[in-house]
Amino acid sequence: DLPTTGFAGCSSHQYARKHSPWTNFTNVPASTNRPWSAFPADYNQ
């Protein structure tokens, strides 16, 4: 339910930022916070 890569809002639908602590760190790129739909089908990736 994360709406977009790098989303920094507190919630969206049933997504809750409180369960995604990396979002709070300025030394972790926002691009590492990805929607479930981006989970690769090829697990080698």
PDB file of all heavy atoms in Angstrom:
ATOM      1  N   ASP A   1       0.804  -1.235   0.000  1.00  0.00           N
ATOM      2  CA  ASP A   1       0.000   0.000   0.000  1.00  0.00           C
ATOM      3  C   ASP A   1       0.831   1.276   0.000  1.00  0.00           C
ATOM      4  O   ASP A   1       0.267   2.373   0.067  1.00  0.00           O
ATOM      5  CB  ASP A   1      -1.017   0.042   1.144  1.00  0.00           C
ATOM      6  CG  ASP A   1      -2.226  -0.835   0.883  1.00  0.00           C
ATOM      7  OD1 ASP A   1      -2.391  -1.334  -0.249  1.00  0.00           O
ATOM      8  OD2 ASP A   1      -3.027  -1.026   1.825  1.00  0.00           O
ATOM      9  N   LEU A   2       2.163   1.173  -0.071  1.00  0.00           N
ATOM     10  CA  LEU A   2       2.969   2.377  -0.277  1.00  0.00           C
ATOM     11  C   LEU A   2       2.612   2.889  -1.667  1.00  0.00           C
ATOM     12  O   LEU A   2       2.721   2.150  -2.651  1.00  0.00           O
ATOM     13  CB  LEU A   2       4.461   2.041  -0.185  1.00  0.00           C
ATOM     14  CG  LEU A   2       5.422   3.215  -0.338  1.00  0.00           C
ATOM     15  CD1 LEU A   2       5.394   4.081   0.922  1.00  0.00           C
ATOM     16  CD2 LEU A   2       6.838   2.719  -0.602  1.00  0.00           C
ATOM     17  N   PRO A   3       2.150   4.142  -1.791  1.00  0.00           N
ATOM     18  CA  PRO A   3       1.628   4.587  -3.081  1.00  0.00           C
ATOM     19  C   PRO A   3       2.694   4.782  -4.165  1.00  0.00           C
ATOM     20  O   PRO A   3       2.428   4.522  -5.334  1.00  0.00           O
ATOM     21  CB  PRO A   3       0.908   5.891  -2.759  1.00  0.00           C
ATOM     22  CG  PRO A   3       1.525   6.367  -1.496  1.00  0.00           C
ATOM     23  CD  PRO A   3       1.971   5.143  -0.744  1.00  0.00           C
ATOM     24  N   THR A   4       3.882   5.254  -3.786  1.00  0.00           N
ATOM     25  CA  THR A   4       4.942   5.498  -4.759  1.00  0.00           C
ATOM     26  C   THR A   4       6.304   5.291  -4.095  1.00  0.00           C
ATOM     27  O   THR A   4       6.438   5.417  -2.871  1.00  0.00           O
ATOM     28  CB  THR A   4       4.896   6.944  -5.299  1.00  0.00           C
ATOM     29  OG1 THR A   4       5.041   7.848  -4.196  1.00  0.00           O
ATOM     30  CG2 THR A   4       3.612   7.238  -6.052  1.00  0.00           C
ATOM     31  N   THR A   5       7.303   5.030  -4.905  1.00  0.00           N
ATOM     32  CA  THR A   5       8.669   4.932  -4.393  1.00  0.00           C
ATOM     33  C   THR A   5       9.039   6.245  -3.726  1.00  0.00           C
ATOM     34  O   THR A   5       8.794   7.322  -4.275  1.00  0.00           O
ATOM     35  CB  THR A   5       9.650   4.611  -5.541  1.00  0.00           C
ATOM     36  OG1 THR A   5       9.324   3.338  -6.072  1.00  0.00           O
ATOM     37  CG2 THR A   5      11.089   4.619  -5.060  1.00  0.00           C
ATOM     38  N   GLY A   6       9.608   6.146  -2.534  1.00  0.00           N
ATOM     39  CA  GLY A   6      10.061   7.328  -1.815  1.00  0.00           C
ATOM     40  C   GLY A   6       8.978   8.104  -1.088  1.00  0.00           C
ATOM     41  O   GLY A   6       9.255   9.159  -0.505  1.00  0.00           O
ATOM     42  N   PHE A   7       7.757   7.619  -1.098  1.00  0.00           N
ATOM     43  CA  PHE A   7       6.656   8.304  -0.412  1.00  0.00           C
ATOM     44  C   PHE A   7       7.049   8.580   1.039  1.00  0.00           C
ATOM     45  O   PHE A   7       7.508   7.697   1.753  1.00  0.00           O
ATOM     46  CB  PHE A   7       5.404   7.422  -0.459  1.00  0.00           C
ATOM     47  CG  PHE A   7       4.215   7.975   0.289  1.00  0.00           C
ATOM     48  CD1 PHE A   7       3.479   9.021  -0.236  1.00  0.00           C
ATOM     49  CD2 PHE A   7       3.835   7.429   1.502  1.00  0.00           C
ATOM     50  CE1 PHE A   7       2.360   9.513   0.433  1.00  0.00           C
ATOM     51  CE2 PHE A   7       2.723   7.913   2.180  1.00  0.00           C
ATOM     52  CZ  PHE A   7       1.991   8.963   1.653  1.00  0.00           C
ATOM     53  N   ALA A   8       6.893   9.831   1.469  1.00  0.00           N
ATOM     54  CA  ALA A   8       7.301  10.217   2.820  1.00  0.00           C
ATOM     55  C   ALA A   8       6.128  10.569   3.723  1.00  0.00           C
ATOM     56  O   ALA A   8       6.328  11.034   4.843  1.00  0.00           O
ATOM     57  CB  ALA A   8       8.272  11.390   2.753  1.00  0.00           C
ATOM     58  N   GLY A   9       4.920  10.350   3.256  1.00  0.00           N
ATOM     59  CA  GLY A   9       3.750  10.625   4.079  1.00  0.00           C
ATOM     60  C   GLY A   9       3.641   9.643   5.233  1.00  0.00           C
ATOM     61  O   GLY A   9       4.299   8.610   5.266  1.00  0.00           O
ATOM     62  N   CYS A  10       2.783   9.960   6.163  1.00  0.00           N
ATOM     63  CA  CYS A  10       2.622   9.112   7.354  1.00  0.00           C
ATOM     64  C   CYS A  10       1.739   7.901   7.095  1.00  0.00           C
ATOM     65  O   CYS A  10       1.886   6.879   7.773  1.00  0.00           O
ATOM     66  CB  CYS A  10       2.073   9.930   8.515  1.00  0.00           C
ATOM     67  SG  CYS A  10       3.246  11.183   9.086  1.00  0.00           S
ATOM     68  N   SER A  11       0.833   7.994   6.137  1.00  0.00           N
ATOM     69  CA  SER A  11      -0.037   6.854   5.851  1.00  0.00           C
ATOM     70  C   SER A  11      -0.637   7.004   4.460  1.00  0.00           C
ATOM     71  O   SER A  11      -0.685   8.100   3.899  1.00  0.00           O
ATOM     72  CB  SER A  11      -1.142   6.739   6.900  1.00  0.00           C
ATOM     73  OG  SER A  11      -1.987   7.865   6.860  1.00  0.00           O
ATOM     74  N   SER A  12      -1.091   5.872   3.956  1.00  0.00           N
ATOM     75  CA  SER A  12      -1.813   5.830   2.691  1.00  0.00           C
ATOM     76  C   SER A  12      -2.554   4.506   2.645  1.00  0.00           C
ATOM     77  O   SER A  12      -1.922   3.445   2.751  1.00  0.00           O
ATOM     78  CB  SER A  12      -0.848   5.933   1.512  1.00  0.00           C
ATOM     79  OG  SER A  12      -1.559   5.852   0.287  1.00  0.00           O
ATOM     80  N   HIS A  13      -3.850   4.570   2.548  1.00  0.00           N
ATOM     81  CA  HIS A  13      -4.683   3.365   2.615  1.00  0.00           C
ATOM     82  C   HIS A  13      -4.309   2.609   3.898  1.00  0.00           C
ATOM     83  O   HIS A  13      -4.420   3.181   4.970  1.00  0.00           O
ATOM     84  CB  HIS A  13      -4.539   2.525   1.350  1.00  0.00           C
ATOM     85  CG  HIS A  13      -4.914   3.271   0.109  1.00  0.00           C
ATOM     86  ND1 HIS A  13      -6.217   3.539  -0.235  1.00  0.00           N
ATOM     87  CD2 HIS A  13      -4.140   3.832  -0.847  1.00  0.00           C
ATOM     88  CE1 HIS A  13      -6.234   4.235  -1.352  1.00  0.00           C
ATOM     89  NE2 HIS A  13      -4.999   4.441  -1.746  1.00  0.00           N
ATOM     90  N   GLN A  14      -3.796   1.395   3.796  1.00  0.00           N
ATOM     91  CA  GLN A  14      -3.411   0.628   4.989  1.00  0.00           C
ATOM     92  C   GLN A  14      -1.890   0.604   5.198  1.00  0.00           C
ATOM     93  O   GLN A  14      -1.379  -0.177   5.988  1.00  0.00           O
ATOM     94  CB  GLN A  14      -3.956  -0.798   4.896  1.00  0.00           C
ATOM     95  CG  GLN A  14      -5.466  -0.874   5.012  1.00  0.00           C
ATOM     96  CD  GLN A  14      -5.944  -0.395   6.374  1.00  0.00           C
ATOM     97  OE1 GLN A  14      -5.384  -0.740   7.401  1.00  0.00           O
ATOM     98  NE2 GLN A  14      -6.976   0.417   6.392  1.00  0.00           N
ATOM     99  N   TYR A  15      -1.146   1.472   4.500  1.00  0.00           N
ATOM    100  CA  TYR A  15       0.294   1.632   4.727  1.00  0.00           C
ATOM    101  C   TYR A  15       0.490   2.570   5.909  1.00  0.00           C
ATOM    102  O   TYR A  15      -0.198   3.592   6.027  1.00  0.00           O
ATOM    103  CB  TYR A  15       0.979   2.230   3.487  1.00  0.00           C
ATOM    104  CG  TYR A  15       2.365   2.776   3.775  1.00  0.00           C
ATOM    105  CD1 TYR A  15       3.449   1.913   3.870  1.00  0.00           C
ATOM    106  CD2 TYR A  15       2.581   4.129   3.972  1.00  0.00           C
ATOM    107  CE1 TYR A  15       4.724   2.395   4.140  1.00  0.00           C
ATOM    108  CE2 TYR A  15       3.850   4.623   4.244  1.00  0.00           C
ATOM    109  CZ  TYR A  15       4.911   3.753   4.333  1.00  0.00           C
ATOM    110  OH  TYR A  15       6.167   4.222   4.610  1.00  0.00           O
ATOM    111  N   ALA A  16       1.444   2.230   6.778  1.00  0.00           N
ATOM    112  CA  ALA A  16       1.774   3.101   7.913  1.00  0.00           C
ATOM    113  C   ALA A  16       3.285   3.301   7.960  1.00  0.00           C
ATOM    114  O   ALA A  16       4.041   2.336   8.083  1.00  0.00           O
ATOM    115  CB  ALA A  16       1.280   2.487   9.217  1.00  0.00           C
ATOM    116  N   ARG A  17       3.730   4.543   7.849  1.00  0.00           N
ATOM    117  CA  ARG A  17       5.153   4.869   7.853  1.00  0.00           C
ATOM    118  C   ARG A  17       5.838   4.355   9.113  1.00  0.00           C
ATOM    119  O   ARG A  17       7.014   4.015   9.081  1.00  0.00           O
ATOM    120  CB  ARG A  17       5.328   6.382   7.726  1.00  0.00           C
ATOM    121  CG  ARG A  17       6.765   6.838   7.788  1.00  0.00           C
ATOM    122  CD  ARG A  17       6.857   8.319   7.529  1.00  0.00           C
ATOM    123  NE  ARG A  17       8.157   8.848   7.888  1.00  0.00           N
ATOM    124  CZ  ARG A  17       8.612  10.004   7.462  1.00  0.00           C
ATOM    125  NH1 ARG A  17       7.878  10.752   6.657  1.00  0.00           N
ATOM    126  NH2 ARG A  17       9.796  10.428   7.840  1.00  0.00           N
ATOM    127  N   LYS A  18       5.127   4.259  10.228  1.00  0.00           N
ATOM    128  CA  LYS A  18       5.733   3.807  11.478  1.00  0.00           C
ATOM    129  C   LYS A  18       6.311   2.398  11.349  1.00  0.00           C
ATOM    130  O   LYS A  18       7.144   1.993  12.147  1.00  0.00           O
ATOM    131  CB  LYS A  18       4.723   3.864  12.625  1.00  0.00           C
ATOM    132  CG  LYS A  18       3.551   2.901  12.472  1.00  0.00           C
ATOM    133  CD  LYS A  18       2.563   3.075  13.601  1.00  0.00           C
ATOM    134  CE  LYS A  18       1.371   2.155  13.448  1.00  0.00           C
ATOM    135  NZ  LYS A  18       0.435   2.330  14.552  1.00  0.00           N
ATOM    136  N   HIS A  19       5.881   1.642  10.344  1.00  0.00           N
ATOM    137  CA  HIS A  19       6.426   0.307  10.112  1.00  0.00           C
ATOM    138  C   HIS A  19       7.535   0.316   9.067  1.00  0.00           C
ATOM    139  O   HIS A  19       8.033  -0.737   8.676  1.00  0.00           O
ATOM    140  CB  HIS A  19       5.312  -0.653   9.703  1.00  0.00           C
ATOM    141  CG  HIS A  19       4.345  -0.868  10.809  1.00  0.00           C
ATOM    142  ND1 HIS A  19       2.986  -0.993  10.580  1.00  0.00           N
ATOM    143  CD2 HIS A  19       4.513  -0.950  12.150  1.00  0.00           C
ATOM    144  CE1 HIS A  19       2.374  -1.152  11.748  1.00  0.00           C
ATOM    145  NE2 HIS A  19       3.279  -1.114  12.708  1.00  0.00           N
ATOM    146  N   SER A  20       7.931   1.489   8.639  1.00  0.00           N
ATOM    147  CA  SER A  20       8.989   1.662   7.636  1.00  0.00           C
ATOM    148  C   SER A  20      10.022   2.664   8.151  1.00  0.00           C
ATOM    149  O   SER A  20      10.147   3.767   7.630  1.00  0.00           O
ATOM    150  CB  SER A  20       8.376   2.162   6.320  1.00  0.00           C
ATOM    151  OG  SER A  20       7.377   1.286   5.874  1.00  0.00           O
ATOM    152  N   PRO A  21      10.779   2.299   9.177  1.00  0.00           N
ATOM    153  CA  PRO A  21      11.649   3.266   9.839  1.00  0.00           C
ATOM    154  C   PRO A  21      12.729   3.878   8.957  1.00  0.00           C
ATOM    155  O   PRO A  21      13.160   5.004   9.211  1.00  0.00           O
ATOM    156  CB  PRO A  21      12.266   2.473  10.993  1.00  0.00           C
ATOM    157  CG  PRO A  21      12.120   1.049  10.604  1.00  0.00           C
ATOM    158  CD  PRO A  21      10.880   0.967   9.769  1.00  0.00           C
ATOM    159  N   TRP A  22      13.190   3.189   7.909  1.00  0.00           N
ATOM    160  CA  TRP A  22      14.228   3.723   7.034  1.00  0.00           C
ATOM    161  C   TRP A  22      13.794   5.027   6.398  1.00  0.00           C
ATOM    162  O   TRP A  22      14.626   5.833   6.018  1.00  0.00           O
ATOM    163  CB  TRP A  22      14.592   2.697   5.955  1.00  0.00           C
ATOM    164  CG  TRP A  22      13.380   2.025   5.421  1.00  0.00           C
ATOM    165  CD1 TRP A  22      12.575   2.452   4.414  1.00  0.00           C
ATOM    166  CD2 TRP A  22      12.777   0.848   5.953  1.00  0.00           C
ATOM    167  NE1 TRP A  22      11.498   1.603   4.270  1.00  0.00           N
ATOM    168  CE2 TRP A  22      11.598   0.595   5.199  1.00  0.00           C
ATOM    169  CE3 TRP A  22      13.099  -0.030   6.971  1.00  0.00           C
ATOM    170  CZ2 TRP A  22      10.762  -0.483   5.449  1.00  0.00           C
ATOM    171  CZ3 TRP A  22      12.262  -1.106   7.207  1.00  0.00           C
ATOM    172  CH2 TRP A  22      11.116  -1.322   6.449  1.00  0.00           C
ATOM    173  N   THR A  23      12.482   5.248   6.302  1.00  0.00           N
ATOM    174  CA  THR A  23      11.947   6.479   5.731  1.00  0.00           C
ATOM    175  C   THR A  23      12.360   7.694   6.556  1.00  0.00           C
ATOM    176  O   THR A  23      12.456   8.803   6.032  1.00  0.00           O
ATOM    177  CB  THR A  23      10.404   6.397   5.670  1.00  0.00           C
ATOM    178  OG1 THR A  23      10.048   5.212   4.971  1.00  0.00           O
ATOM    179  CG2 THR A  23       9.793   7.575   4.976  1.00  0.00           C
ATOM    180  N   ASN A  24      12.632   7.475   7.836  1.00  0.00           N
ATOM    181  CA  ASN A  24      12.957   8.580   8.737  1.00  0.00           C
ATOM    182  C   ASN A  24      14.424   8.986   8.713  1.00  0.00           C
ATOM    183  O   ASN A  24      14.786   9.989   9.322  1.00  0.00           O
ATOM    184  CB  ASN A  24      12.574   8.197  10.167  1.00  0.00           C
ATOM    185  CG  ASN A  24      11.091   7.947  10.318  1.00  0.00           C
ATOM    186  OD1 ASN A  24      10.277   8.739   9.858  1.00  0.00           O
ATOM    187  ND2 ASN A  24      10.737   6.852  10.945  1.00  0.00           N
ATOM    188  N   PHE A  25      15.277   8.215   8.035  1.00  0.00           N
ATOM    189  CA  PHE A  25      16.711   8.483   8.066  1.00  0.00           C
ATOM    190  C   PHE A  25      17.143   9.254   6.822  1.00  0.00           C
ATOM    191  O   PHE A  25      16.913   8.812   5.690  1.00  0.00           O
ATOM    192  CB  PHE A  25      17.494   7.169   8.162  1.00  0.00           C
ATOM    193  CG  PHE A  25      17.403   6.531   9.517  1.00  0.00           C
ATOM    194  CD1 PHE A  25      16.369   5.654   9.824  1.00  0.00           C
ATOM    195  CD2 PHE A  25      18.341   6.827  10.496  1.00  0.00           C
ATOM    196  CE1 PHE A  25      16.276   5.070  11.074  1.00  0.00           C
ATOM    197  CE2 PHE A  25      18.251   6.248  11.749  1.00  0.00           C
ATOM    198  CZ  PHE A  25      17.217   5.373  12.045  1.00  0.00           C
ATOM    199  N   THR A  26      17.807  10.382   7.038  1.00  0.00           N
ATOM    200  CA  THR A  26      18.261  11.207   5.918  1.00  0.00           C
ATOM    201  C   THR A  26      19.433  10.567   5.182  1.00  0.00           C
ATOM    202  O   THR A  26      19.734  10.964   4.062  1.00  0.00           O
ATOM    203  CB  THR A  26      18.666  12.610   6.400  1.00  0.00           C
ATOM    204  OG1 THR A  26      19.717  12.480   7.367  1.00  0.00           O
ATOM    205  CG2 THR A  26      17.483  13.347   7.021  1.00  0.00           C
ATOM    206  N   ASN A  27      20.106   9.579   5.796  1.00  0.00           N
ATOM    207  CA  ASN A  27      21.256   8.932   5.154  1.00  0.00           C
ATOM    208  C   ASN A  27      20.892   7.630   4.432  1.00  0.00           C
ATOM    209  O   ASN A  27      21.755   6.839   4.089  1.00  0.00           O
ATOM    210  CB  ASN A  27      22.369   8.691   6.178  1.00  0.00           C
ATOM    211  CG  ASN A  27      21.899   7.916   7.389  1.00  0.00           C
ATOM    212  OD1 ASN A  27      20.757   7.480   7.476  1.00  0.00           O
ATOM    213  ND2 ASN A  27      22.795   7.757   8.357  1.00  0.00           N
ATOM    214  N   VAL A  28      19.610   7.416   4.210  1.00  0.00           N
ATOM    215  CA  VAL A  28      19.116   6.304   3.403  1.00  0.00           C
ATOM    216  C   VAL A  28      18.286   6.917   2.270  1.00  0.00           C
ATOM    217  O   VAL A  28      17.320   7.635   2.541  1.00  0.00           O
ATOM    218  CB  VAL A  28      18.255   5.325   4.251  1.00  0.00           C
ATOM    219  CG1 VAL A  28      17.686   4.225   3.372  1.00  0.00           C
ATOM    220  CG2 VAL A  28      19.064   4.739   5.392  1.00  0.00           C
ATOM    221  N   PRO A  29      18.660   6.677   1.037  1.00  0.00           N
ATOM    222  CA  PRO A  29      17.933   7.304  -0.073  1.00  0.00           C
ATOM    223  C   PRO A  29      16.442   6.952  -0.073  1.00  0.00           C
ATOM    224  O   PRO A  29      16.069   5.803   0.200  1.00  0.00           O
ATOM    225  CB  PRO A  29      18.608   6.725  -1.321  1.00  0.00           C
ATOM    226  CG  PRO A  29      19.936   6.232  -0.859  1.00  0.00           C
ATOM    227  CD  PRO A  29      19.764   5.829   0.575  1.00  0.00           C
ATOM    228  N   ALA A  30      15.623   7.915  -0.379  1.00  0.00           N
ATOM    229  CA  ALA A  30      14.177   7.684  -0.448  1.00  0.00           C
ATOM    230  C   ALA A  30      13.846   6.583  -1.455  1.00  0.00           C
ATOM    231  O   ALA A  30      12.851   5.870  -1.303  1.00  0.00           O
ATOM    232  CB  ALA A  30      13.457   8.983  -0.818  1.00  0.00           C
ATOM    233  N   SER A  31      14.694   6.396  -2.447  1.00  0.00           N
ATOM    234  CA  SER A  31      14.452   5.390  -3.487  1.00  0.00           C
ATOM    235  C   SER A  31      14.503   3.961  -2.957  1.00  0.00           C
ATOM    236  O   SER A  31      14.059   3.034  -3.637  1.00  0.00           O
ATOM    237  CB  SER A  31      15.469   5.539  -4.622  1.00  0.00           C
ATOM    238  OG  SER A  31      16.788   5.353  -4.120  1.00  0.00           O
ATOM    239  N   THR A  32      15.009   3.762  -1.739  1.00  0.00           N
ATOM    240  CA  THR A  32      15.018   2.419  -1.156  1.00  0.00           C
ATOM    241  C   THR A  32      13.667   2.052  -0.564  1.00  0.00           C
ATOM    242  O   THR A  32      13.432   0.886  -0.245  1.00  0.00           O
ATOM    243  CB  THR A  32      16.099   2.273  -0.055  1.00  0.00           C
ATOM    244  OG1 THR A  32      15.798   3.150   1.026  1.00  0.00           O
ATOM    245  CG2 THR A  32      17.489   2.559  -0.602  1.00  0.00           C
ATOM    246  N   ASN A  33      12.790   3.011  -0.423  1.00  0.00           N
ATOM    247  CA  ASN A  33      11.440   2.791   0.111  1.00  0.00           C
ATOM    248  C   ASN A  33      10.497   2.580  -1.071  1.00  0.00           C
ATOM    249  O   ASN A  33      10.089   3.525  -1.730  1.00  0.00           O
ATOM    250  CB  ASN A  33      11.018   4.008   0.946  1.00  0.00           C
ATOM    251  CG  ASN A  33       9.757   3.760   1.717  1.00  0.00           C
ATOM    252  OD1 ASN A  33       9.444   2.646   2.091  1.00  0.00           O
ATOM    253  ND2 ASN A  33       9.015   4.832   1.969  1.00  0.00           N
ATOM    254  N   ARG A  34      10.184   1.297  -1.340  1.00  0.00           N
ATOM    255  CA  ARG A  34       9.496   0.945  -2.575  1.00  0.00           C
ATOM    256  C   ARG A  34       8.151   0.277  -2.310  1.00  0.00           C
ATOM    257  O   ARG A  34       7.980  -0.411  -1.318  1.00  0.00           O
ATOM    258  CB  ARG A  34      10.391   0.019  -3.383  1.00  0.00           C
ATOM    259  CG  ARG A  34      11.761   0.679  -3.646  1.00  0.00           C
ATOM    260  CD  ARG A  34      12.719  -0.226  -4.335  1.00  0.00           C
ATOM    261  NE  ARG A  34      12.251  -0.453  -5.692  1.00  0.00           N
ATOM    262  CZ  ARG A  34      12.705  -1.414  -6.468  1.00  0.00           C
ATOM    263  NH1 ARG A  34      13.633  -2.241  -6.043  1.00  0.00           N
ATOM    264  NH2 ARG A  34      12.227  -1.557  -7.688  1.00  0.00           N
ATOM    265  N   PRO A  35       7.208   0.443  -3.224  1.00  0.00           N
ATOM    266  CA  PRO A  35       5.921  -0.242  -3.090  1.00  0.00           C
ATOM    267  C   PRO A  35       6.090  -1.757  -3.240  1.00  0.00           C
ATOM    268  O   PRO A  35       7.017  -2.231  -3.904  1.00  0.00           O
ATOM    269  CB  PRO A  35       5.082   0.312  -4.243  1.00  0.00           C
ATOM    270  CG  PRO A  35       5.817   1.467  -4.782  1.00  0.00           C
ATOM    271  CD  PRO A  35       7.243   1.316  -4.399  1.00  0.00           C
ATOM    272  N   TRP A  36       5.160  -2.499  -2.651  1.00  0.00           N
ATOM    273  CA  TRP A  36       5.189  -3.959  -2.761  1.00  0.00           C
ATOM    274  C   TRP A  36       5.174  -4.396  -4.222  1.00  0.00           C
ATOM    275  O   TRP A  36       5.790  -5.395  -4.602  1.00  0.00           O
ATOM    276  CB  TRP A  36       4.023  -4.574  -1.986  1.00  0.00           C
ATOM    277  CG  TRP A  36       3.931  -6.046  -2.186  1.00  0.00           C
ATOM    278  CD1 TRP A  36       2.912  -6.719  -2.788  1.00  0.00           C
ATOM    279  CD2 TRP A  36       4.890  -7.031  -1.806  1.00  0.00           C
ATOM    280  NE1 TRP A  36       3.185  -8.071  -2.808  1.00  0.00           N
ATOM    281  CE2 TRP A  36       4.408  -8.277  -2.207  1.00  0.00           C
ATOM    282  CE3 TRP A  36       6.134  -6.975  -1.169  1.00  0.00           C
ATOM    283  CZ2 TRP A  36       5.099  -9.461  -2.004  1.00  0.00           C
ATOM    284  CZ3 TRP A  36       6.826  -8.154  -0.963  1.00  0.00           C
ATOM    285  CH2 TRP A  36       6.312  -9.379  -1.377  1.00  0.00           C
ATOM    286  N   SER A  37       4.519  -3.643  -5.071  1.00  0.00           N
ATOM    287  CA  SER A  37       4.435  -3.992  -6.498  1.00  0.00           C
ATOM    288  C   SER A  37       5.810  -4.019  -7.161  1.00  0.00           C
ATOM    289  O   SER A  37       5.977  -4.618  -8.223  1.00  0.00           O
ATOM    290  CB  SER A  37       3.515  -3.022  -7.236  1.00  0.00           C
ATOM    291  OG  SER A  37       4.012  -1.697  -7.113  1.00  0.00           O
ATOM    292  N   ALA A  38       6.823  -3.408  -6.544  1.00  0.00           N
ATOM    293  CA  ALA A  38       8.180  -3.404  -7.092  1.00  0.00           C
ATOM    294  C   ALA A  38       9.001  -4.618  -6.644  1.00  0.00           C
ATOM    295  O   ALA A  38      10.135  -4.796  -7.086  1.00  0.00           O
ATOM    296  CB  ALA A  38       8.910  -2.115  -6.676  1.00  0.00           C
ATOM    297  N   PHE A  39       8.437  -5.471  -5.785  1.00  0.00           N
ATOM    298  CA  PHE A  39       9.156  -6.667  -5.346  1.00  0.00           C
ATOM    299  C   PHE A  39       9.412  -7.534  -6.577  1.00  0.00           C
ATOM    300  O   PHE A  39       8.484  -7.888  -7.301  1.00  0.00           O
ATOM    301  CB  PHE A  39       8.325  -7.434  -4.309  1.00  0.00           C
ATOM    302  CG  PHE A  39       9.094  -8.486  -3.569  1.00  0.00           C
ATOM    303  CD1 PHE A  39       9.941  -8.136  -2.535  1.00  0.00           C
ATOM    304  CD2 PHE A  39       8.962  -9.830  -3.900  1.00  0.00           C
ATOM    305  CE1 PHE A  39      10.646  -9.104  -1.822  1.00  0.00           C
ATOM    306  CE2 PHE A  39       9.662 -10.809  -3.207  1.00  0.00           C
ATOM    307  CZ  PHE A  39      10.510 -10.440  -2.167  1.00  0.00           C
ATOM    308  N   PRO A  40      10.676  -7.871  -6.838  1.00  0.00           N
ATOM    309  CA  PRO A  40      10.985  -8.550  -8.101  1.00  0.00           C
ATOM    310  C   PRO A  40      10.460  -9.983  -8.172  1.00  0.00           C
ATOM    311  O   PRO A  40      10.503 -10.723  -7.187  1.00  0.00           O
ATOM    312  CB  PRO A  40      12.514  -8.536  -8.134  1.00  0.00           C
ATOM    313  CG  PRO A  40      12.939  -8.392  -6.727  1.00  0.00           C
ATOM    314  CD  PRO A  40      11.858  -7.623  -6.022  1.00  0.00           C
ATOM    315  N   ALA A  41       9.994 -10.364  -9.325  1.00  0.00           N
ATOM    316  CA  ALA A  41       9.577 -11.751  -9.558  1.00  0.00           C
ATOM    317  C   ALA A  41      10.801 -12.649  -9.671  1.00  0.00           C
ATOM    318  O   ALA A  41      10.747 -13.827  -9.335  1.00  0.00           O
ATOM    319  CB  ALA A  41       8.731 -11.836 -10.823  1.00  0.00           C
ATOM    320  N   ASP A  42      11.914 -12.088 -10.151  1.00  0.00           N
ATOM    321  CA  ASP A  42      13.186 -12.809 -10.204  1.00  0.00           C
ATOM    322  C   ASP A  42      13.936 -12.475  -8.919  1.00  0.00           C
ATOM    323  O   ASP A  42      14.504 -11.395  -8.772  1.00  0.00           O
ATOM    324  CB  ASP A  42      13.985 -12.362 -11.428  1.00  0.00           C
ATOM    325  CG  ASP A  42      15.367 -12.996 -11.499  1.00  0.00           C
ATOM    326  OD1 ASP A  42      15.741 -13.774 -10.589  1.00  0.00           O
ATOM    327  OD2 ASP A  42      16.079 -12.705 -12.475  1.00  0.00           O
ATOM    328  N   TYR A  43      13.927 -13.408  -7.976  1.00  0.00           N
ATOM    329  CA  TYR A  43      14.501 -13.149  -6.656  1.00  0.00           C
ATOM    330  C   TYR A  43      16.007 -12.919  -6.696  1.00  0.00           C
ATOM    331  O   TYR A  43      16.572 -12.377  -5.753  1.00  0.00           O
ATOM    332  CB  TYR A  43      14.147 -14.279  -5.692  1.00  0.00           C
ATOM    333  CG  TYR A  43      12.647 -14.479  -5.560  1.00  0.00           C
ATOM    334  CD1 TYR A  43      12.096 -15.750  -5.660  1.00  0.00           C
ATOM    335  CD2 TYR A  43      11.792 -13.410  -5.367  1.00  0.00           C
ATOM    336  CE1 TYR A  43      10.725 -15.938  -5.548  1.00  0.00           C
ATOM    337  CE2 TYR A  43      10.422 -13.596  -5.258  1.00  0.00           C
ATOM    338  CZ  TYR A  43       9.894 -14.859  -5.356  1.00  0.00           C
ATOM    339  OH  TYR A  43       8.544 -15.043  -5.243  1.00  0.00           O
ATOM    340  N   ASN A  44      16.671 -13.287  -7.780  1.00  0.00           N
ATOM    341  CA  ASN A  44      18.089 -12.967  -7.937  1.00  0.00           C
ATOM    342  C   ASN A  44      18.301 -11.454  -8.011  1.00  0.00           C
ATOM    343  O   ASN A  44      19.431 -10.984  -7.831  1.00  0.00           O
ATOM    344  CB  ASN A  44      18.657 -13.625  -9.200  1.00  0.00           C
ATOM    345  CG  ASN A  44      18.781 -15.119  -9.054  1.00  0.00           C
ATOM    346  OD1 ASN A  44      19.450 -15.604  -8.145  1.00  0.00           O
ATOM    347  ND2 ASN A  44      18.120 -15.857  -9.936  1.00  0.00           N
ATOM    348  N   GLN A  45      17.247 -10.707  -8.280  1.00  0.00           N
ATOM    349  CA  GLN A  45      17.337  -9.251  -8.392  1.00  0.00           C
ATOM    350  C   GLN A  45      17.113  -8.533  -7.064  1.00  0.00           C
ATOM    351  O   GLN A  45      17.180  -7.309  -7.008  1.00  0.00           O
ATOM    352  CB  GLN A  45      16.313  -8.747  -9.420  1.00  0.00           C
ATOM    353  CG  GLN A  45      16.494  -9.325 -10.800  1.00  0.00           C
ATOM    354  CD  GLN A  45      17.877  -9.044 -11.371  1.00  0.00           C
ATOM    355  OE1 GLN A  45      18.355  -7.909 -11.334  1.00  0.00           O
ATOM    356  NE2 GLN A  45      18.524 -10.075 -11.872  1.00  0.00           N
TER     357      GLN A  45
END
